[in-house]
Amino acid sequence: MIDWTSREPVVLLNPRFPALERERLEQLAARLPRLERHVWLATSGVSGLVKLVALSREALLASAAAVNRHLEATARDTWVNVLPLFHVGGLGMVARAHLSGARMVGDHDAAGWPGTWSARAFARRVAAERATLSALVPAQVDDLVRERLPAPPSLRAVVVGGGAVPAALHGRARVLGWPLLPSYGATELCSQIATAPLASLDSDAPPPLALLSHIEAEVAAGGFLRFRSAALFTGYARPDAGDESRGALHDPKVDGWWTSEDRGELGGGCLVVEGRGADFLKIGGESTSLGRLEAVLADARRACAFDADATLLAMADDRLGHAVVLLHDAPSDAPAAALVAAFNARVLPFERIRSIHRLASLPRSPLGKLLPAEARRRLGRP
């Protein structure tokens, strides 16, 4: 899909974007500045607004080189790629295999879609190919655990990105032998920023996230993490900009530093992510983190054997500032009510779920992240 020697810019879009969203992005793509040796990908921030981000091939390869060093990846490795190529998670594996000479296997179509996900099919593919490396998102790890699938012996590391890995899920996966390396990354840095070291696989405890060798990191005002690296993006193009600037390149970096939307702490070469700015809520004057509450929900789901999709959403509330609500796609609200009871028993009173909303399906990105703006739109709420 990517010619790493070409100077031609490439725009990679999710073929499953809703028609109006795809039309909006295609119109934006037609007005983009010509940036040689760049790849444009779609990404969204705390607002949920999808925009295009420009990544140079040099930045993508700088990230790939650092990840290869971290994983000690060589031409002897085989990657199984089940992530979309229009996302840095999947595209990053392509770049890593290109640099190291490793073999990469996957069933992507011409648009970069990896096909229907199946935990059993993934485990069989890894075993059949004697694969050594892969990358997954937490929802896929959860599927492997729910199916009680043991890890094939050839597999030496699985990077997990696209969201935090709950400690309980990590422990259950490790019991099954899955060599998980939780990570934290961003499209703006071409994939991984901090990843658990290989040595952490000697223990089943949740590992620290070590900053990769190409990353400089600081904590900026407000506790937000900021980064400098050869893997940093070039800039954004925003579809919501005025006619005079729609399609123009916007570069938010200052002196080579990009400030993320995530809060965190640094120490000893490791990074602790506390959550996205939008994850921090004030409810009745009390502070909490939506990310932490999602981890509690995951524990409650296992306790209730709740098999439908479910997630939390922060809704504006005139009296409390925010209220936590549950979204689910179960056939009825009855099983969701049991889930809410289990969740509410595990949190402080102000953190409890205030209402239940059933949707035909939950709006999620290709990597399983909830799209909050679309969820609120379906609920008829701002």
Protein backbone atom coordinates (compact mmCIF):
# COMPACT_ATOMS: atom_id res chain seq x y z
CA MET A 1 0.00 0.00 0.00
CA ILE A 2 2.88 2.39 0.73
CA ASP A 3 5.88 2.89 -1.54
CA TRP A 4 8.46 4.09 0.98
CA THR A 5 10.69 5.54 -1.76
CA SER A 6 7.95 7.55 -3.50
CA ARG A 7 7.59 11.31 -3.21
CA GLU A 8 3.87 11.16 -3.97
CA PRO A 9 1.50 12.11 -1.12
CA VAL A 10 -1.11 9.52 -0.16
CA VAL A 11 -4.47 9.93 1.61
CA LEU A 12 -5.71 6.83 3.49
CA LEU A 13 -9.34 6.90 4.64
CA ASN A 14 -11.49 4.35 6.39
CA PRO A 15 -13.80 2.92 3.68
CA ARG A 16 -16.48 2.41 6.34
CA PHE A 17 -16.83 6.05 7.30
CA PRO A 18 -20.50 7.11 7.16
CA ALA A 19 -21.28 8.52 3.70
CA LEU A 20 -21.54 12.14 4.83
CA GLU A 21 -18.32 11.94 6.88
CA ARG A 22 -16.43 10.35 4.01
CA GLU A 23 -17.75 12.95 1.55
CA ARG A 24 -16.65 15.72 3.90
CA LEU A 25 -13.15 14.25 4.21
CA GLU A 26 -12.83 13.58 0.49
CA GLN A 27 -13.72 17.21 -0.22
CA LEU A 28 -11.08 18.23 2.32
CA ALA A 29 -8.53 15.88 0.74
CA ALA A 30 -9.09 17.53 -2.66
CA ARG A 31 -7.95 20.85 -1.17
CA LEU A 32 -4.88 19.61 0.71
CA PRO A 33 -1.50 21.23 0.10
CA ARG A 34 0.88 19.03 -1.84
CA LEU A 35 3.27 17.65 0.77
CA GLU A 36 5.80 15.38 -0.85
CA ARG A 37 6.58 12.06 0.86
CA HIS A 38 3.58 12.44 3.19
CA VAL A 39 0.74 10.17 4.24
CA TRP A 40 -2.55 11.73 5.37
CA LEU A 41 -4.60 9.81 7.94
CA ALA A 42 -7.87 10.63 9.69
CA THR A 43 -7.78 11.19 13.44
CA SER A 44 -9.99 12.72 16.10
CA GLY A 45 -9.35 14.45 19.41
CA VAL A 46 -11.39 15.08 22.54
CA SER A 47 -13.99 16.96 20.49
CA GLY A 48 -14.69 13.85 18.40
CA LEU A 49 -14.23 15.91 15.23
CA VAL A 50 -12.41 13.93 12.55
CA LYS A 51 -9.54 15.77 10.89
CA LEU A 52 -6.65 14.80 8.64
CA VAL A 53 -3.11 14.60 9.99
CA ALA A 54 -0.01 14.74 7.78
CA LEU A 55 2.77 12.25 8.55
CA SER A 56 5.97 12.23 6.55
CA ARG A 57 7.41 8.91 5.46
CA GLU A 58 10.56 9.88 7.37
CA ALA A 59 8.50 10.30 10.56
CA LEU A 60 6.77 6.95 10.06
CA LEU A 61 10.11 5.22 9.53
CA ALA A 62 11.68 6.98 12.54
CA SER A 63 8.89 5.57 14.70
CA ALA A 64 9.29 2.13 13.11
CA ALA A 65 13.04 2.09 13.77
CA ALA A 66 12.51 2.94 17.45
CA VAL A 67 9.82 0.29 17.88
CA ASN A 68 12.03 -2.31 16.19
CA ARG A 69 14.82 -1.47 18.63
CA HIS A 70 12.43 -1.73 21.57
CA LEU A 71 11.10 -5.11 20.43
CA GLU A 72 14.50 -6.33 19.18
CA ALA A 73 12.74 -7.02 15.88
CA THR A 74 14.81 -8.47 13.03
CA ALA A 75 14.39 -10.16 9.65
CA ARG A 76 13.80 -13.42 11.51
CA ASP A 77 10.46 -12.16 12.81
CA THR A 78 7.00 -12.58 11.32
CA TRP A 79 4.28 -10.01 12.03
CA VAL A 80 0.58 -10.89 11.92
CA ASN A 81 -1.25 -7.66 11.09
CA VAL A 82 -4.98 -7.55 11.87
CA LEU A 83 -5.25 -3.75 12.27
CA PRO A 84 -6.41 -1.40 9.50
CA LEU A 85 -3.71 0.14 7.32
CA PHE A 86 -5.46 3.53 7.35
CA HIS A 87 -4.56 3.74 11.05
CA VAL A 88 -1.04 4.13 12.48
CA GLY A 89 -1.44 0.86 14.38
CA GLY A 90 -1.60 -1.17 11.18
CA LEU A 91 0.51 1.13 9.04
CA GLY A 92 3.23 1.10 11.70
CA MET A 93 3.60 -2.67 11.39
CA VAL A 94 4.08 -2.28 7.64
CA ALA A 95 6.86 0.25 8.25
CA ARG A 96 8.55 -1.95 10.87
CA ALA A 97 8.55 -5.00 8.60
CA HIS A 98 9.90 -2.87 5.73
CA LEU A 99 12.84 -1.62 7.82
CA SER A 100 13.77 -4.89 9.49
CA GLY A 101 13.11 -7.19 6.53
CA ALA A 102 10.62 -9.15 8.62
CA ARG A 103 7.76 -11.02 7.01
CA MET A 104 4.25 -9.60 7.47
CA VAL A 105 1.03 -11.52 6.93
CA GLY A 106 -2.51 -10.20 6.83
CA ASP A 107 -5.66 -10.26 4.76
CA HIS A 108 -6.18 -6.57 4.03
CA ASP A 109 -8.28 -5.50 1.07
CA ALA A 110 -7.29 -2.75 -1.37
CA ALA A 111 -8.64 -0.06 0.97
CA GLY A 112 -6.56 -1.33 3.91
CA TRP A 113 -9.39 -3.05 5.81
CA PRO A 114 -8.15 -6.20 7.61
CA GLY A 115 -11.34 -8.22 7.23
CA THR A 116 -13.69 -9.56 9.88
CA TRP A 117 -11.99 -9.98 13.25
CA SER A 118 -12.12 -13.40 14.89
CA ALA A 119 -10.14 -14.26 18.00
CA ARG A 120 -9.99 -17.94 17.04
CA ALA A 121 -8.92 -17.18 13.48
CA PHE A 122 -6.19 -14.86 14.79
CA ALA A 123 -4.81 -17.53 17.13
CA ARG A 124 -4.89 -20.11 14.34
CA ARG A 125 -3.11 -17.72 11.95
CA VAL A 126 -0.37 -16.96 14.45
CA ALA A 127 0.19 -20.68 15.01
CA ALA A 128 0.10 -21.57 11.31
CA GLU A 129 2.55 -18.82 10.36
CA ARG A 130 4.75 -19.40 13.43
CA ALA A 131 4.41 -15.65 13.92
CA THR A 132 6.50 -13.91 16.54
CA LEU A 133 5.03 -10.40 16.74
CA SER A 134 1.69 -8.65 16.47
CA ALA A 135 -0.28 -5.64 17.71
CA LEU A 136 -3.84 -5.60 19.03
CA VAL A 137 -6.31 -3.28 20.74
CA PRO A 138 -7.71 -4.06 24.22
CA ALA A 139 -11.08 -5.22 22.84
CA GLN A 140 -9.29 -7.89 20.79
CA VAL A 141 -7.34 -9.05 23.84
CA ASP A 142 -10.63 -9.27 25.72
CA ASP A 143 -11.98 -11.52 22.95
CA LEU A 144 -8.97 -13.84 23.24
CA VAL A 145 -9.52 -14.09 27.00
CA ARG A 146 -13.28 -14.64 26.69
CA GLU A 147 -12.60 -17.51 24.27
CA ARG A 148 -9.96 -18.86 26.69
CA LEU A 149 -7.49 -19.18 23.84
CA PRO A 150 -3.88 -20.00 24.80
CA ALA A 151 -1.11 -18.09 23.07
CA PRO A 152 0.75 -20.00 20.33
CA PRO A 153 4.31 -20.76 21.52
CA SER A 154 5.99 -18.92 18.62
CA LEU A 155 4.59 -15.55 19.71
CA ARG A 156 7.10 -13.51 21.69
CA ALA A 157 5.38 -10.09 21.97
CA VAL A 158 2.02 -8.45 21.31
CA VAL A 159 1.91 -4.67 21.55
CA VAL A 160 -1.47 -3.49 22.84
CA GLY A 161 -2.46 0.07 21.93
CA GLY A 162 -5.49 2.19 21.23
CA GLY A 163 -6.50 2.32 24.90
CA ALA A 164 -5.51 1.29 28.40
CA VAL A 165 -5.37 -2.40 29.31
CA PRO A 166 -7.26 -3.00 32.59
CA ALA A 167 -5.10 -4.79 35.14
CA ALA A 168 -7.58 -7.67 35.46
CA LEU A 169 -7.63 -8.23 31.70
CA HIS A 170 -3.83 -8.11 31.56
CA GLY A 171 -3.59 -10.73 34.28
CA ARG A 172 -6.11 -13.08 32.66
CA ALA A 173 -4.33 -12.80 29.30
CA ARG A 174 -0.95 -13.51 30.86
CA VAL A 175 -2.34 -16.67 32.51
CA LEU A 176 -3.17 -17.84 28.98
CA GLY A 177 0.39 -17.08 27.90
CA TRP A 178 -0.26 -13.99 25.79
CA PRO A 179 2.95 -11.89 25.85
CA LEU A 180 1.29 -8.50 26.17
CA LEU A 181 3.23 -5.25 26.03
CA PRO A 182 0.77 -2.45 26.85
CA SER A 183 1.60 0.80 25.10
CA TYR A 184 0.61 4.43 24.82
CA GLY A 185 0.75 6.23 21.50
CA ALA A 186 -0.76 8.82 19.21
CA THR A 187 -1.37 9.26 15.51
CA GLU A 188 0.59 12.52 15.76
CA LEU A 189 3.71 10.50 16.70
CA CYS A 190 3.18 7.77 14.10
CA SER A 191 2.24 5.14 16.72
CA GLN A 192 4.00 4.22 19.96
CA ILE A 193 5.33 6.74 22.48
CA ALA A 194 5.87 4.48 25.50
CA THR A 195 5.67 0.69 25.62
CA ALA A 196 6.24 -1.96 28.26
CA PRO A 197 9.75 -3.45 27.91
CA LEU A 198 10.36 -7.03 26.83
CA ALA A 199 11.81 -7.75 30.27
CA SER A 200 8.35 -7.11 31.76
CA LEU A 201 7.21 -10.44 30.29
CA ASP A 202 9.14 -12.15 33.07
CA SER A 203 6.34 -11.06 35.41
CA ASP A 204 2.55 -11.19 35.19
CA ALA A 205 2.18 -7.86 37.02
CA PRO A 206 0.95 -4.82 35.05
CA PRO A 207 4.17 -3.38 33.58
CA PRO A 208 5.47 0.19 33.39
CA LEU A 209 5.44 2.04 30.08
CA ALA A 210 8.99 2.92 29.03
CA LEU A 211 9.53 5.92 26.75
CA LEU A 212 10.89 4.81 23.40
CA SER A 213 14.35 5.95 22.37
CA HIS A 214 13.18 8.56 19.87
CA ILE A 215 10.92 10.42 22.30
CA GLU A 216 11.57 13.50 24.43
CA ALA A 217 8.76 14.12 26.91
CA GLU A 218 7.76 16.83 29.39
CA VAL A 219 4.76 17.65 31.53
CA ALA A 220 3.33 21.00 30.44
CA ALA A 221 0.97 23.38 32.21
CA GLY A 222 -2.15 21.69 33.50
CA GLY A 223 -0.39 18.34 33.65
CA PHE A 224 -0.65 17.73 29.91
CA LEU A 225 2.04 15.62 28.28
CA ARG A 226 4.08 17.12 25.49
CA PHE A 227 6.56 15.50 23.14
CA ARG A 228 9.38 16.16 20.70
CA SER A 229 10.59 13.55 18.22
CA ALA A 230 11.69 12.89 14.65
CA ALA A 231 8.41 10.96 14.40
CA LEU A 232 6.18 13.99 14.99
CA PHE A 233 3.48 14.86 12.50
CA THR A 234 3.77 17.82 10.13
CA GLY A 235 0.33 19.32 10.78
CA TYR A 236 -3.46 19.05 10.52
CA ALA A 237 -6.08 19.92 7.95
CA ARG A 238 -9.50 20.56 9.48
CA PRO A 239 -12.84 20.16 7.70
CA ASP A 240 -14.48 22.66 10.06
CA ALA A 241 -12.17 25.53 9.07
CA GLY A 242 -13.50 28.51 7.17
CA ASP A 243 -13.49 28.48 3.37
CA GLU A 244 -10.30 30.50 3.26
CA SER A 245 -8.36 28.00 5.38
CA ARG A 246 -10.15 24.68 4.81
CA GLY A 247 -7.53 22.31 3.45
CA ALA A 248 -4.68 24.50 4.67
CA LEU A 249 -1.98 23.03 6.89
CA HIS A 250 -2.24 23.95 10.58
CA ASP A 251 0.85 23.17 12.67
CA PRO A 252 0.20 23.43 16.44
CA LYS A 253 3.76 22.57 17.48
CA VAL A 254 5.74 25.20 19.39
CA ASP A 255 9.54 25.09 19.11
CA GLY A 256 9.26 21.51 17.89
CA TRP A 257 7.09 20.38 20.81
CA TRP A 258 3.54 19.03 20.50
CA THR A 259 1.24 19.20 23.53
CA SER A 260 -1.15 16.27 23.66
CA GLU A 261 -4.67 16.08 25.08
CA ASP A 262 -3.52 13.58 27.71
CA ARG A 263 -2.45 14.20 31.28
CA GLY A 264 0.28 12.15 32.87
CA GLU A 265 3.45 11.89 34.91
CA LEU A 266 7.07 11.13 34.02
CA GLY A 267 9.78 9.48 36.06
CA GLY A 268 12.67 7.09 35.64
CA GLY A 269 12.29 6.98 31.86
CA CYS A 270 8.69 5.81 32.21
CA LEU A 271 5.35 7.44 31.60
CA VAL A 272 2.12 7.13 33.58
CA VAL A 273 -0.95 8.23 31.63
CA GLU A 274 -3.67 9.61 33.87
CA GLY A 275 -6.18 10.09 31.09
CA ARG A 276 -7.36 12.41 28.41
CA GLY A 277 -8.31 15.95 29.32
CA ALA A 278 -11.87 15.05 28.41
CA ASP A 279 -11.69 12.00 30.73
CA PHE A 280 -11.45 14.22 33.80
CA LEU A 281 -14.89 15.07 35.07
CA LYS A 282 -16.33 17.27 37.77
CA ILE A 283 -19.48 15.72 39.21
CA GLY A 284 -21.13 17.72 41.96
CA GLY A 285 -17.81 19.39 42.73
CA GLU A 286 -15.91 16.08 42.94
CA SER A 287 -13.25 15.00 40.45
CA THR A 288 -13.05 11.63 38.74
CA SER A 289 -11.61 10.02 35.60
CA LEU A 290 -13.81 8.41 32.98
CA GLY A 291 -10.89 6.15 32.07
CA ARG A 292 -10.75 4.76 35.61
CA LEU A 293 -14.51 4.26 35.64
CA GLU A 294 -14.27 2.29 32.37
CA ALA A 295 -11.86 -0.08 34.11
CA VAL A 296 -14.42 -0.54 36.91
CA LEU A 297 -17.10 -1.20 34.29
CA ALA A 298 -14.93 -3.90 32.72
CA ASP A 299 -14.66 -5.62 36.09
CA ALA A 300 -18.42 -5.35 36.64
CA ARG A 301 -19.08 -6.81 33.17
CA ARG A 302 -17.03 -9.88 33.99
CA ALA A 303 -18.80 -10.27 37.33
CA CYS A 304 -22.22 -10.11 35.62
CA ALA A 305 -21.21 -12.13 32.53
CA PHE A 306 -22.56 -9.21 30.48
CA ASP A 307 -21.80 -10.19 26.87
CA ALA A 308 -23.30 -7.24 24.96
CA ASP A 309 -21.34 -4.09 24.12
CA ALA A 310 -21.40 -1.46 26.86
CA THR A 311 -19.54 1.71 27.71
CA LEU A 312 -19.79 4.90 29.74
CA LEU A 313 -20.51 8.38 28.46
CA ALA A 314 -20.23 11.69 30.29
CA MET A 315 -23.31 13.85 29.75
CA ALA A 316 -23.74 17.51 30.67
CA ASP A 317 -25.94 17.94 33.73
CA ASP A 318 -27.38 21.27 34.87
CA ARG A 319 -27.13 20.42 38.56
CA LEU A 320 -24.03 18.23 38.79
CA GLY A 321 -21.95 19.56 35.91
CA HIS A 322 -21.64 16.05 34.48
CA ALA A 323 -23.43 12.75 34.90
CA VAL A 324 -22.18 9.28 34.02
CA VAL A 325 -24.57 7.25 31.85
CA LEU A 326 -24.40 3.72 30.45
CA LEU A 327 -24.72 2.93 26.75
CA HIS A 328 -25.38 -0.65 25.69
CA ASP A 329 -26.73 -2.72 22.79
CA ALA A 330 -28.28 -5.64 24.71
CA PRO A 331 -31.75 -6.75 23.56
CA SER A 332 -33.32 -5.08 26.60
CA ASP A 333 -32.42 -2.92 29.60
CA ALA A 334 -32.83 -5.82 32.06
CA PRO A 335 -29.26 -7.21 31.86
CA ALA A 336 -27.93 -3.65 31.74
CA ALA A 337 -29.70 -2.89 35.02
CA ALA A 338 -27.81 -5.74 36.68
CA LEU A 339 -24.57 -4.36 35.23
CA VAL A 340 -25.36 -0.90 36.59
CA ALA A 341 -26.01 -2.35 40.05
CA ALA A 342 -22.66 -4.15 39.99
CA PHE A 343 -20.87 -1.01 38.79
CA ASN A 344 -22.53 1.30 41.32
CA ALA A 345 -21.51 -1.03 44.14
CA ARG A 346 -17.87 -0.55 43.13
CA VAL A 347 -17.69 3.27 42.92
CA LEU A 348 -18.24 6.34 45.08
CA PRO A 349 -21.79 7.71 45.25
CA PHE A 350 -21.10 10.67 42.97
CA GLU A 351 -19.55 8.36 40.34
CA ARG A 352 -22.63 6.15 39.99
CA ILE A 353 -24.40 5.66 36.66
CA ARG A 354 -27.41 7.97 36.48
CA SER A 355 -29.25 6.53 33.48
CA ILE A 356 -29.25 3.67 30.96
CA HIS A 357 -29.52 4.14 27.19
CA ARG A 358 -29.94 1.29 24.70
CA LEU A 359 -28.73 1.81 21.12
CA ALA A 360 -28.94 -0.56 18.17
CA SER A 361 -25.14 -0.41 18.09
CA LEU A 362 -22.53 1.73 19.80
CA PRO A 363 -20.66 4.14 17.51
CA ARG A 364 -17.03 3.09 17.57
CA SER A 365 -13.89 3.74 15.56
CA PRO A 366 -12.18 0.91 13.60
CA LEU A 367 -10.07 0.28 16.71
CA GLY A 368 -13.06 0.06 19.02
CA LYS A 369 -12.95 3.51 20.60
CA LEU A 370 -16.27 5.11 21.40
CA LEU A 371 -17.09 8.16 19.26
CA PRO A 372 -18.60 10.43 21.96
CA ALA A 373 -19.88 13.12 19.62
CA GLU A 374 -21.75 10.57 17.50
CA ALA A 375 -23.12 8.85 20.62
CA ARG A 376 -24.51 12.15 21.90
CA ARG A 377 -25.98 12.89 18.49
CA ARG A 378 -27.83 9.56 18.48
CA LEU A 379 -29.15 10.34 21.94
CA GLY A 380 -30.26 13.78 20.81
CA ARG A 381 -27.96 15.47 23.33
CA PRO A 382 -25.26 18.11 22.69
